[in-house]
Amino acid sequence: MFLAFALLMSAEPVIVVTARRETKAALEACLLRHCPVREDAMASIGHAQAEFAAGRYGEARKTLLSALGRNRNATAQDPRALSALWYALARVTLHNGDMQEYRKAALRSGTILAKATSVTPAERQMGELQIGDALAASGDPEGGVRHYRRIAATARANGDTELAELMDLRVIHVRTGLSSRPEARDEFERRSADATLTPRARMVASALAAQLGGKRDGALVDKLSDVPVQPADADPQLLWAPKDRLVEQREAIARARAAGDFTLLAMLQPRSSDMSRYQWADIGFWIRPDGQVEDVAMLRSGGREKWTQDVVAFVQGRRYAPFEAAPGAKGRYKIERVTLTFEHATPSNSLIRRRSGLPSYQFEELKLETVATAD
């Protein structure tokens, strides 16, 4: 869902991190003087982000849960602060692989905003989008589809054609499975050529068609060169990314399970030793003004580094929308945290949910100074 989030939502939040000792001191000082809900939430999220950047996901989770416990009765008083706390917890648990906790946290975050009367209409709309995303990403695609359609209907009634069209595309994307890829790709191609759609919807449709096409040198990917140039101050728009090794592994497992090939299935399943510790890395790269990616490098890691070779190749193959830049400018530099995540599940002959499911990569953008200051 990483590509779809980047295409159909606003840009992913950038985590800005200072040293953990500073964020810890700030949080402790805040609590000592019984600071207001908003300040408590900001200090708690700041410290959790520092812990996250240092690879201490469990500690980041505890920091956020403590803040939510302290402010559990403050939703009506400051819905923005409580929504932000739940959203931060959702991002941490997504990297942790616990989709049950992610679903709960993401739905709480979105519901608080969607129902708040003291926030702006745009914030309530963002809450509705968070609800749809949480449903679609946590095993309830039809729930996500129903929510996206409701958002689209409201947007059309309010004259927001672009949002309605983007939600239509999101419905198609969520319903895209292995068996329906050709049909979905054809529909995205048709919409990318529909001159009656808004430019952003056509760009997204073209990118999703290319993504489902699958080949880096395919004609669909080449069509992305027709994407309009973005303003210099616009957030980088991810248009296309190749399949990573873990997506291919999940698809192979699904085919083996459907064919009843249990020997192959056993060979493809991840080993328990791979799940025993958190594995993360920070990947830095340049996005050139033409949308190509170059100089991808692993900056640091918190585990075995062999798996990061796949991530470096995956990021190198991305295509972003072109953007305005001064003559001779190299482009924009980005750092992303990537976590090798294993889904939480209850294994056979066990009653304990733990990291025992299929692996995937989770990405989060970090600000440039994060790598130098996180510890």
Protein backbone atom coordinates (compact mmCIF):
# COMPACT_ATOMS: atom_id res chain seq x y z
CA MET A 1 0.00 0.00 0.00
CA PHE A 2 3.01 2.34 0.18
CA LEU A 3 2.69 3.48 -3.42
CA ALA A 4 -1.06 3.94 -3.16
CA PHE A 5 -0.71 6.03 0.00
CA ALA A 6 1.82 8.28 -1.73
CA LEU A 7 -0.34 8.70 -4.81
CA LEU A 8 -3.81 9.10 -3.39
CA MET A 9 -3.14 10.90 -0.12
CA SER A 10 -1.18 13.95 0.88
CA ALA A 11 2.51 13.37 1.50
CA GLU A 12 3.52 11.05 4.34
CA PRO A 13 4.45 12.96 7.49
CA VAL A 14 8.13 13.76 7.87
CA ILE A 15 9.55 12.76 11.25
CA VAL A 16 11.78 15.47 12.69
CA VAL A 17 13.98 14.09 15.45
CA THR A 18 16.38 15.55 17.98
CA ALA A 19 18.57 13.62 20.41
CA ARG A 20 16.69 11.28 22.75
CA ARG A 21 18.25 12.81 25.85
CA GLU A 22 16.82 16.20 24.84
CA THR A 23 13.35 14.90 24.04
CA LYS A 24 13.29 12.86 27.25
CA ALA A 25 14.25 15.91 29.31
CA ALA A 26 11.60 18.00 27.58
CA LEU A 27 8.90 15.41 28.26
CA GLU A 28 9.91 15.02 31.90
CA ALA A 29 9.88 18.79 32.42
CA CYS A 30 6.45 18.99 30.79
CA LEU A 31 5.00 16.32 33.07
CA LEU A 32 6.63 17.83 36.16
CA ARG A 33 4.73 21.08 35.67
CA HIS A 34 1.49 19.27 34.69
CA CYS A 35 1.54 20.78 31.22
CA PRO A 36 -1.66 21.09 29.13
CA VAL A 37 -2.86 18.28 26.87
CA ARG A 38 -1.46 19.83 23.68
CA GLU A 39 2.02 20.29 25.15
CA ASP A 40 1.98 16.78 26.64
CA ALA A 41 1.05 15.32 23.26
CA MET A 42 3.73 17.29 21.40
CA ALA A 43 6.46 16.37 23.91
CA SER A 44 5.39 12.71 23.95
CA ILE A 45 5.30 12.44 20.16
CA GLY A 46 8.67 14.18 19.88
CA HIS A 47 10.26 11.74 22.32
CA ALA A 48 8.59 8.74 20.65
CA GLN A 49 9.93 9.90 17.28
CA ALA A 50 13.44 10.08 18.72
CA GLU A 51 13.07 6.58 20.14
CA PHE A 52 11.72 5.34 16.82
CA ALA A 53 14.62 6.87 14.89
CA ALA A 54 17.04 5.15 17.28
CA GLY A 55 15.41 1.80 16.49
CA ARG A 56 13.73 1.52 19.89
CA TYR A 57 10.25 0.75 18.63
CA GLY A 58 9.05 -0.86 21.86
CA GLU A 59 10.04 2.19 23.90
CA ALA A 60 8.36 4.52 21.40
CA ARG A 61 5.17 2.50 21.73
CA LYS A 62 5.27 2.70 25.54
CA THR A 63 5.82 6.46 25.45
CA LEU A 64 2.75 6.96 23.28
CA LEU A 65 0.58 4.56 25.28
CA SER A 66 1.53 6.39 28.48
CA ALA A 67 0.51 9.72 26.94
CA LEU A 68 -2.79 8.26 25.77
CA GLY A 69 -3.41 6.89 29.24
CA ARG A 70 -2.75 10.26 30.88
CA ASN A 71 -5.05 12.05 28.46
CA ARG A 72 -7.72 9.41 27.92
CA ASN A 73 -10.51 11.79 28.99
CA ALA A 74 -9.27 14.78 26.97
CA THR A 75 -10.68 13.93 23.53
CA ALA A 76 -13.40 16.58 23.67
CA GLN A 77 -10.96 19.13 25.12
CA ASP A 78 -8.32 18.76 22.38
CA PRO A 79 -9.29 16.36 19.58
CA ARG A 80 -6.32 17.36 17.43
CA ALA A 81 -3.84 16.36 20.14
CA LEU A 82 -5.52 13.01 20.85
CA SER A 83 -5.85 12.22 17.15
CA ALA A 84 -2.15 12.97 16.66
CA LEU A 85 -1.19 10.67 19.55
CA TRP A 86 -3.25 7.80 18.16
CA TYR A 87 -1.85 8.42 14.67
CA ALA A 88 1.73 8.32 15.96
CA LEU A 89 0.96 5.03 17.71
CA ALA A 90 -0.51 3.67 14.48
CA ARG A 91 2.70 4.45 12.57
CA VAL A 92 4.89 2.77 15.20
CA THR A 93 2.71 -0.35 15.34
CA LEU A 94 2.69 -0.54 11.55
CA HIS A 95 6.49 -0.87 11.64
CA ASN A 96 6.11 -3.35 14.49
CA GLY A 97 3.85 -5.53 12.32
CA ASP A 98 0.89 -5.68 14.71
CA MET A 99 -2.00 -5.00 12.36
CA GLN A 100 -4.62 -5.43 15.09
CA GLU A 101 -3.11 -2.63 17.14
CA TYR A 102 -2.51 -0.58 13.99
CA ARG A 103 -6.18 -0.89 13.02
CA LYS A 104 -7.36 0.19 16.47
CA ALA A 105 -4.99 3.17 16.66
CA ALA A 106 -5.57 4.36 13.09
CA LEU A 107 -9.36 4.09 13.41
CA ARG A 108 -9.33 5.98 16.71
CA SER A 109 -7.19 8.73 15.18
CA GLY A 110 -9.43 9.10 12.15
CA THR A 111 -12.70 8.84 14.08
CA ILE A 112 -11.68 11.54 16.57
CA LEU A 113 -11.02 14.00 13.74
CA ALA A 114 -14.03 12.98 11.66
CA LYS A 115 -16.45 13.52 14.56
CA ALA A 116 -14.87 16.64 16.09
CA THR A 117 -16.90 19.83 15.73
CA SER A 118 -14.03 22.11 16.76
CA VAL A 119 -11.74 21.25 13.82
CA THR A 120 -11.84 22.49 10.24
CA PRO A 121 -13.78 20.73 7.46
CA ALA A 122 -10.44 19.78 5.87
CA GLU A 123 -9.34 18.09 9.11
CA ARG A 124 -12.63 16.18 9.34
CA GLN A 125 -12.12 15.08 5.76
CA MET A 126 -8.60 13.88 6.62
CA GLY A 127 -10.10 11.88 9.47
CA GLU A 128 -12.52 10.20 7.08
CA LEU A 129 -9.61 9.33 4.76
CA GLN A 130 -7.67 7.85 7.69
CA ILE A 131 -10.63 5.62 8.52
CA GLY A 132 -10.83 4.32 4.95
CA ASP A 133 -7.08 3.71 4.83
CA ALA A 134 -7.12 1.88 8.17
CA LEU A 135 -9.89 -0.43 7.02
CA ALA A 136 -8.28 -1.14 3.64
CA ALA A 137 -4.81 -1.75 5.09
CA SER A 138 -5.91 -4.00 7.94
CA GLY A 139 -7.82 -6.75 6.19
CA ASP A 140 -11.17 -5.09 5.46
CA PRO A 141 -10.94 -3.93 1.84
CA GLU A 142 -14.70 -3.83 1.37
CA GLY A 143 -15.00 -1.62 4.44
CA GLY A 144 -12.41 0.68 2.91
CA VAL A 145 -14.27 0.67 -0.41
CA ARG A 146 -17.54 1.64 1.28
CA HIS A 147 -15.82 4.48 3.07
CA TYR A 148 -14.05 5.77 -0.05
CA ARG A 149 -17.33 5.74 -1.95
CA ARG A 150 -18.99 7.71 0.83
CA ILE A 151 -16.17 10.27 0.71
CA ALA A 152 -16.48 10.47 -3.09
CA ALA A 153 -20.24 11.08 -2.87
CA THR A 154 -19.76 13.85 -0.32
CA ALA A 155 -16.96 15.40 -2.38
CA ARG A 156 -19.12 15.49 -5.50
CA ALA A 157 -21.97 17.07 -3.55
CA ASN A 158 -19.53 19.74 -2.36
CA GLY A 159 -18.09 20.32 -5.83
CA ASP A 160 -14.69 18.74 -5.06
CA THR A 161 -14.29 16.84 -8.30
CA GLU A 162 -10.60 16.00 -7.84
CA LEU A 163 -11.11 14.30 -4.47
CA ALA A 164 -14.08 12.34 -5.80
CA GLU A 165 -12.04 11.09 -8.77
CA LEU A 166 -9.12 10.13 -6.52
CA MET A 167 -11.45 8.13 -4.29
CA ASP A 168 -12.84 6.35 -7.37
CA LEU A 169 -9.28 5.35 -8.24
CA ARG A 170 -8.64 4.24 -4.68
CA VAL A 171 -11.68 1.93 -4.89
CA ILE A 172 -10.28 0.28 -8.02
CA HIS A 173 -6.84 -0.04 -6.45
CA VAL A 174 -8.10 -1.61 -3.22
CA ARG A 175 -10.11 -4.16 -5.15
CA THR A 176 -7.18 -5.09 -7.34
CA GLY A 177 -6.07 -8.68 -6.66
CA LEU A 178 -3.83 -11.05 -8.57
CA SER A 179 -6.78 -12.27 -10.62
CA SER A 180 -8.06 -8.80 -11.51
CA ARG A 181 -4.82 -7.01 -12.38
CA PRO A 182 -5.39 -6.95 -16.18
CA GLU A 183 -8.90 -5.51 -15.77
CA ALA A 184 -7.73 -2.91 -13.26
CA ARG A 185 -4.78 -1.94 -15.44
CA ASP A 186 -7.09 -1.46 -18.43
CA GLU A 187 -9.41 0.70 -16.33
CA PHE A 188 -6.55 2.85 -15.07
CA GLU A 189 -5.26 3.28 -18.64
CA ARG A 190 -8.71 4.32 -19.81
CA ARG A 191 -9.00 6.90 -17.07
CA SER A 192 -5.49 8.23 -17.68
CA ALA A 193 -6.58 9.08 -21.22
CA ASP A 194 -9.92 10.60 -20.17
CA ALA A 195 -9.63 14.32 -20.85
CA THR A 196 -12.69 15.04 -18.69
CA LEU A 197 -10.82 14.03 -15.51
CA THR A 198 -8.74 16.46 -13.48
CA PRO A 199 -4.98 16.51 -14.25
CA ARG A 200 -4.06 14.98 -10.87
CA ALA A 201 -6.53 12.11 -11.29
CA ARG A 202 -5.16 11.40 -14.77
CA MET A 203 -1.59 11.43 -13.42
CA VAL A 204 -2.51 9.00 -10.63
CA ALA A 205 -4.37 6.70 -13.04
CA SER A 206 -1.38 6.63 -15.38
CA ALA A 207 0.98 5.81 -12.51
CA LEU A 208 -1.23 3.02 -11.17
CA ALA A 209 -1.56 1.53 -14.66
CA ALA A 210 2.23 1.50 -14.92
CA GLN A 211 2.54 -0.06 -11.46
CA LEU A 212 0.23 -2.90 -12.42
CA GLY A 213 2.10 -3.33 -15.70
CA GLY A 214 5.06 -4.46 -13.63
CA LYS A 215 7.98 -3.97 -16.04
CA ARG A 216 10.43 -1.10 -15.59
CA ASP A 217 11.01 -0.77 -19.31
CA GLY A 218 7.38 -1.21 -20.31
CA ALA A 219 5.46 1.24 -22.45
CA LEU A 220 3.20 2.12 -19.52
CA VAL A 221 6.15 3.26 -17.43
CA ASP A 222 7.54 5.26 -20.33
CA LYS A 223 4.25 7.15 -20.49
CA LEU A 224 5.05 8.64 -17.09
CA SER A 225 7.38 11.05 -18.87
CA ASP A 226 4.19 12.88 -19.90
CA VAL A 227 3.32 13.72 -16.29
CA PRO A 228 3.13 17.52 -15.80
CA VAL A 229 6.11 19.15 -14.12
CA GLN A 230 5.34 19.86 -10.45
CA PRO A 231 6.04 23.21 -8.77
CA ALA A 232 9.42 23.59 -7.08
CA ASP A 233 7.86 23.68 -3.61
CA ALA A 234 5.55 20.68 -4.10
CA ASP A 235 6.15 17.49 -2.15
CA PRO A 236 7.84 14.80 -4.28
CA GLN A 237 5.18 12.64 -5.91
CA LEU A 238 6.04 8.95 -6.16
CA LEU A 239 4.69 7.60 -9.44
CA TRP A 240 6.12 4.12 -9.83
CA ALA A 241 8.14 1.58 -7.90
CA PRO A 242 9.30 -1.91 -8.90
CA LYS A 243 8.24 -4.97 -6.96
CA ASP A 244 10.50 -5.70 -4.07
CA ARG A 245 11.64 -9.21 -3.19
CA LEU A 246 9.13 -9.59 -0.37
CA VAL A 247 6.14 -8.80 -2.61
CA GLU A 248 7.34 -11.48 -5.02
CA GLN A 249 7.74 -13.88 -2.09
CA ARG A 250 4.19 -13.22 -0.85
CA GLU A 251 2.79 -13.78 -4.34
CA ALA A 252 4.75 -17.04 -4.67
CA ILE A 253 3.41 -18.20 -1.28
CA ALA A 254 -0.14 -17.41 -2.37
CA ARG A 255 0.30 -19.42 -5.57
CA ALA A 256 1.85 -22.35 -3.68
CA ARG A 257 -0.99 -22.34 -1.16
CA ALA A 258 -3.61 -22.22 -3.92
CA ALA A 259 -1.91 -25.12 -5.71
CA GLY A 260 -1.57 -27.18 -2.53
CA ASP A 261 2.23 -27.35 -2.94
CA PHE A 262 3.11 -27.65 0.74
CA THR A 263 6.75 -28.53 0.05
CA LEU A 264 7.30 -25.29 -1.83
CA LEU A 265 5.21 -23.45 0.76
CA ALA A 266 7.51 -24.64 3.56
CA MET A 267 10.56 -23.50 1.59
CA LEU A 268 9.12 -20.03 1.01
CA GLN A 269 8.00 -19.34 4.57
CA PRO A 270 10.34 -17.08 6.57
CA ARG A 271 12.54 -18.66 9.24
CA SER A 272 11.81 -17.99 12.89
CA SER A 273 15.38 -16.75 13.38
CA ASP A 274 14.69 -13.92 10.91
CA MET A 275 11.84 -12.68 13.13
CA SER A 276 13.74 -12.68 16.39
CA ARG A 277 14.88 -9.06 16.25
CA TYR A 278 13.91 -5.75 14.71
CA GLN A 279 15.77 -4.99 11.51
CA TRP A 280 15.77 -1.48 10.16
CA ALA A 281 17.88 0.79 8.00
CA ASP A 282 18.00 4.43 6.89
CA ILE A 283 18.26 4.82 3.12
CA GLY A 284 19.40 8.10 1.58
CA PHE A 285 18.92 9.07 -2.07
CA TRP A 286 18.63 11.95 -4.51
CA ILE A 287 15.56 12.65 -6.63
CA ARG A 288 16.62 14.41 -9.82
CA PRO A 289 14.40 17.14 -11.30
CA ASP A 290 13.37 14.70 -14.05
CA GLY A 291 12.01 12.28 -11.42
CA GLN A 292 14.79 9.70 -11.66
CA VAL A 293 16.50 8.42 -8.49
CA GLU A 294 20.27 8.26 -8.06
CA ASP A 295 23.00 7.80 -5.43
CA VAL A 296 20.95 5.46 -3.26
CA ALA A 297 22.91 4.38 -0.19
CA MET A 298 22.32 2.72 3.14
CA LEU A 299 23.33 5.28 5.78
CA ARG A 300 23.01 3.10 8.88
CA SER A 301 21.17 0.02 10.08
CA GLY A 302 20.03 -1.71 13.23
CA GLY A 303 20.46 -5.32 12.19
CA ARG A 304 21.88 -7.59 9.57
CA GLU A 305 22.56 -5.62 6.40
CA LYS A 306 22.12 -8.23 3.66
CA TRP A 307 18.39 -7.59 3.23
CA THR A 308 19.03 -3.88 2.65
CA GLN A 309 20.57 -4.66 -0.75
CA ASP A 310 17.07 -5.44 -1.97
CA VAL A 311 15.78 -2.14 -0.57
CA VAL A 312 18.56 -0.12 -2.21
CA ALA A 313 17.69 -1.68 -5.59
CA PHE A 314 13.98 -1.13 -4.97
CA VAL A 315 14.43 2.58 -4.16
CA GLN A 316 16.83 3.03 -7.10
CA GLY A 317 14.07 1.89 -9.45
CA ARG A 318 11.47 4.39 -8.33
CA ARG A 319 10.11 7.10 -10.60
CA TYR A 320 8.88 10.42 -9.20
CA ALA A 321 7.00 13.22 -10.92
CA PRO A 322 9.37 15.80 -12.46
CA PHE A 323 9.59 19.12 -10.65
CA GLU A 324 10.86 22.62 -11.32
CA ALA A 325 14.46 23.29 -10.27
CA ALA A 326 17.19 25.83 -10.89
CA PRO A 327 19.53 25.05 -13.84
CA GLY A 328 22.19 22.58 -12.77
CA ALA A 329 20.45 21.68 -9.50
CA LYS A 330 20.97 18.07 -8.48
CA GLY A 331 17.47 17.76 -7.03
CA ARG A 332 16.18 16.82 -3.59
CA TYR A 333 17.77 14.59 -1.00
CA LYS A 334 15.60 12.27 1.07
CA ILE A 335 16.15 9.81 3.89
CA GLU A 336 13.68 7.03 4.57
CA ARG A 337 13.53 4.60 7.47
CA VAL A 338 12.68 1.13 6.24
CA THR A 339 11.79 -1.68 8.63
CA LEU A 340 11.81 -5.37 7.79
CA THR A 341 8.45 -6.13 9.38
CA PHE A 342 6.81 -9.46 10.21
CA GLU A 343 3.07 -9.68 10.79
CA HIS A 344 1.85 -10.62 14.25
CA ALA A 345 -0.04 -13.91 14.22
CA THR A 346 -0.76 -16.89 16.45
CA PRO A 347 1.31 -19.86 15.20
CA SER A 348 -0.02 -23.41 15.15
CA ASN A 349 0.12 -25.13 18.55
CA SER A 350 0.42 -21.78 20.34
CA LEU A 351 -1.89 -19.34 22.10
CA ILE A 352 0.45 -16.34 21.92
CA ARG A 353 0.34 -13.75 19.15
CA ARG A 354 3.83 -12.80 18.08
CA ARG A 355 5.95 -11.89 15.06
CA SER A 356 5.34 -15.04 13.05
CA GLY A 357 3.65 -13.95 9.82
CA LEU A 358 4.84 -12.91 6.37
CA PRO A 359 7.47 -10.18 5.97
CA SER A 360 7.09 -6.80 4.33
CA TYR A 361 8.89 -3.46 4.19
CA GLN A 362 7.48 -0.39 5.92
CA PHE A 363 8.79 3.07 5.02
CA GLU A 364 8.81 6.38 6.89
CA GLU A 365 10.45 9.61 5.77
CA LEU A 366 13.02 11.13 8.15
CA LYS A 367 14.32 14.66 8.06
CA LEU A 368 17.93 15.10 6.95
CA GLU A 369 19.45 15.81 10.37
CA THR A 370 17.75 12.78 11.94
CA VAL A 371 20.54 10.35 11.16
CA ALA A 372 23.13 12.51 12.87
CA THR A 373 21.10 13.34 15.98
CA ALA A 374 18.84 10.35 16.72
CA ASP A 375 21.10 8.84 19.39
